[in-house]
Amino acid sequence: MKLELEIDAMPSIEAHHYVLGGIPCLRGERFSIAQLLAELAEGRNINDIANEFGIDKFLIKGALESVSIGFNQRIAKASVKPLIRKLS
């Protein structure tokens, strides 16, 4: 299953092949969205992340808001079935 998010519609996130090989990251930073989510999963808060990595906390908040909006979409059942079969 391939889930595509419209990166251009997310003002705090960018993905370019010359920045982290095209992995989505915070706009103007070399800090991936995956790393941001991993830091949050480890229990770090936005202020800690912003201070440690020198990133504006409003950029982080904007990225999280964009990701939450992007994932608040239905995924077609046809796309989900192959994934379920592969995991079973």
Protein backbone atom coordinates (compact mmCIF):
# COMPACT_ATOMS: atom_id res chain seq x y z
CA MET A 1 0.00 0.00 0.00
CA LYS A 2 1.28 3.41 -0.86
CA LEU A 3 -0.09 6.35 1.09
CA GLU A 4 0.59 9.65 -0.59
CA LEU A 5 0.36 12.93 1.24
CA GLU A 6 0.29 16.20 -0.65
CA ILE A 7 3.54 17.69 0.68
CA ASP A 8 3.08 20.95 -1.25
CA ALA A 9 -0.07 21.65 0.76
CA MET A 10 1.89 21.39 4.03
CA PRO A 11 3.67 24.72 4.63
CA SER A 12 5.91 23.40 7.42
CA ILE A 13 7.08 20.30 5.54
CA GLU A 14 9.17 19.90 2.40
CA ALA A 15 10.59 16.99 0.45
CA HIS A 16 13.29 17.51 -2.17
CA HIS A 17 15.63 14.89 -3.60
CA TYR A 18 18.64 17.04 -2.65
CA VAL A 19 17.59 17.36 1.02
CA LEU A 20 17.80 14.09 2.95
CA GLY A 21 17.29 12.19 -0.30
CA GLY A 22 13.67 13.31 -0.62
CA ILE A 23 12.57 12.23 2.87
CA PRO A 24 9.94 14.67 4.21
CA CYS A 25 11.53 17.11 6.65
CA LEU A 26 10.83 20.37 8.42
CA ARG A 27 10.92 23.22 5.90
CA GLY A 28 14.37 24.80 5.80
CA GLU A 29 15.84 22.17 8.12
CA ARG A 30 17.56 18.81 7.73
CA PHE A 31 15.34 17.31 10.41
CA SER A 32 13.03 14.58 9.13
CA ILE A 33 9.41 14.20 10.09
CA ALA A 34 10.23 10.59 11.01
CA GLN A 35 12.87 11.83 13.47
CA LEU A 36 10.40 14.34 14.91
CA LEU A 37 7.84 11.59 15.50
CA ALA A 38 10.50 9.32 16.99
CA GLU A 39 11.58 12.05 19.41
CA LEU A 40 7.96 12.56 20.49
CA ALA A 41 7.47 8.80 20.87
CA GLU A 42 10.47 8.76 23.22
CA GLY A 43 8.61 11.18 25.48
CA ARG A 44 10.34 14.41 24.47
CA ASN A 45 8.19 17.50 24.25
CA ILE A 46 8.16 20.15 21.53
CA ASN A 47 10.13 22.67 23.59
CA ASP A 48 12.88 20.13 24.35
CA ILE A 49 13.18 19.18 20.68
CA ALA A 50 13.18 22.83 19.57
CA ASN A 51 15.88 23.78 22.07
CA GLU A 52 18.15 20.78 21.50
CA PHE A 53 18.09 20.96 17.70
CA GLY A 54 17.75 24.74 17.32
CA ILE A 55 14.40 24.53 15.53
CA ASP A 56 11.54 26.99 15.89
CA LYS A 57 8.82 25.38 17.98
CA PHE A 58 6.11 26.88 15.78
CA LEU A 59 7.64 25.11 12.77
CA ILE A 60 7.40 21.83 14.71
CA LYS A 61 3.81 22.54 15.71
CA GLY A 62 2.92 23.44 12.13
CA ALA A 63 4.43 20.21 10.83
CA LEU A 64 2.53 18.13 13.38
CA GLU A 65 -0.70 19.90 12.48
CA SER A 66 -0.07 19.26 8.76
CA VAL A 67 0.67 15.59 9.36
CA SER A 68 -2.44 15.15 11.49
CA ILE A 69 -4.59 16.76 8.79
CA GLY A 70 -2.92 14.64 6.11
CA PHE A 71 -3.58 11.42 8.00
CA ASN A 72 -7.17 12.37 8.79
CA GLN A 73 -8.25 10.95 5.43
CA ARG A 74 -9.90 7.70 4.55
CA ILE A 75 -7.79 5.08 2.86
CA ALA A 76 -9.60 3.08 0.18
CA LYS A 77 -10.41 -0.48 1.27
CA ALA A 78 -8.78 -1.81 -1.89
CA SER A 79 -5.49 -0.30 -0.75
CA VAL A 80 -5.73 -1.77 2.74
CA LYS A 81 -6.55 -5.39 1.82
CA PRO A 82 -3.13 -6.24 0.31
CA LEU A 83 -1.42 -4.87 3.42
CA ILE A 84 -3.59 -7.01 5.69
CA ARG A 85 -2.80 -10.12 3.64
CA LYS A 86 0.94 -9.42 3.77
CA LEU A 87 0.88 -9.06 7.55
CA SER A 88 -1.17 -12.21 8.15
